Amino acid sequence: MTKRSTSADYVTAFATGWPEQQPDIMVLSLTTHKGVQDFAMNKEQALLIAKTMKETAARLVVPKSSKTS
């Protein structure tokens, strides 16, 4: 099983396609302290990822340190 101890510094997405001559794909670029990893996906994959992220984000709770007393 893959060990997942590395966290991302930031995530960016390019909706224009990569390279620019390929508008039928989206590239998600994940940057960590180890470097950059690019993930190419088609429209169906991108929409599924977006749906999953939206559903997961809706279940997130406010961090304890951010709650007001």
Protein backbone atom coordinates (compact mmCIF):
# COMPACT_ATOMS: atom_id res chain seq x y z
CA MET A 1 0.00 0.00 0.00
CA THR A 2 1.20 3.54 -0.73
CA LYS A 3 2.30 5.62 2.25
CA ARG A 4 0.54 9.01 2.11
CA SER A 5 2.46 11.17 4.54
CA THR A 6 3.29 14.00 2.12
CA SER A 7 0.95 16.96 2.03
CA ALA A 8 0.56 19.36 -0.87
CA ASP A 9 1.79 22.92 -0.67
CA TYR A 10 -0.85 24.03 -3.15
CA VAL A 11 -2.91 22.70 -6.02
CA THR A 12 -3.63 24.39 -9.33
CA ALA A 13 -5.73 23.27 -12.27
CA PHE A 14 -5.49 24.24 -15.88
CA ALA A 15 -8.79 23.99 -17.73
CA THR A 16 -7.45 25.03 -21.13
CA GLY A 17 -5.75 21.72 -21.76
CA TRP A 18 -2.12 20.71 -21.66
CA PRO A 19 -0.47 21.31 -23.91
CA GLU A 20 -2.65 24.16 -25.10
CA GLN A 21 -3.29 22.37 -28.39
CA GLN A 22 -5.31 19.72 -26.50
CA PRO A 23 -8.48 21.43 -25.23
CA ASP A 24 -10.08 18.01 -24.63
CA ILE A 25 -8.07 17.39 -21.45
CA MET A 26 -7.60 19.14 -18.14
CA VAL A 27 -4.39 19.00 -16.19
CA LEU A 28 -4.33 19.07 -12.41
CA SER A 29 -0.90 20.16 -11.23
CA LEU A 30 -0.04 19.16 -7.65
CA THR A 31 3.00 20.84 -6.10
CA THR A 32 4.73 19.46 -3.01
CA HIS A 33 8.14 19.88 -1.45
CA LYS A 34 9.28 16.97 -3.64
CA GLY A 35 8.30 18.69 -6.89
CA VAL A 36 5.38 18.91 -9.31
CA GLN A 37 3.15 16.09 -10.50
CA ASP A 38 0.73 16.62 -13.40
CA PHE A 39 -2.42 14.55 -13.85
CA ALA A 40 -4.20 14.67 -17.21
CA MET A 41 -7.90 13.82 -17.29
CA ASN A 42 -10.78 13.92 -19.70
CA LYS A 43 -14.07 15.72 -19.09
CA GLU A 44 -15.82 12.78 -17.43
CA GLN A 45 -12.91 12.17 -15.06
CA ALA A 46 -12.66 15.88 -14.19
CA LEU A 47 -16.39 16.08 -13.41
CA LEU A 48 -16.23 12.97 -11.22
CA ILE A 49 -13.26 14.38 -9.31
CA ALA A 50 -15.06 17.72 -8.89
CA LYS A 51 -18.21 15.97 -7.63
CA THR A 52 -16.22 13.92 -5.13
CA MET A 53 -14.33 16.97 -3.89
CA LYS A 54 -17.57 18.96 -3.48
CA GLU A 55 -19.24 16.15 -1.51
CA THR A 56 -16.19 15.67 0.70
CA ALA A 57 -15.77 19.42 1.29
CA ALA A 58 -19.42 19.65 2.38
CA ARG A 59 -18.68 17.13 5.15
CA LEU A 60 -15.65 19.00 6.51
CA VAL A 61 -15.96 20.46 9.96
CA VAL A 62 -14.55 23.75 11.17
CA PRO A 63 -11.12 23.18 12.80
CA LYS A 64 -11.25 23.47 16.60
CA SER A 65 -8.72 26.32 16.58
CA SER A 66 -10.96 28.38 14.24
CA LYS A 67 -14.17 28.09 16.26
CA THR A 68 -15.28 31.22 18.07
CA SER A 69 -16.10 30.99 21.78
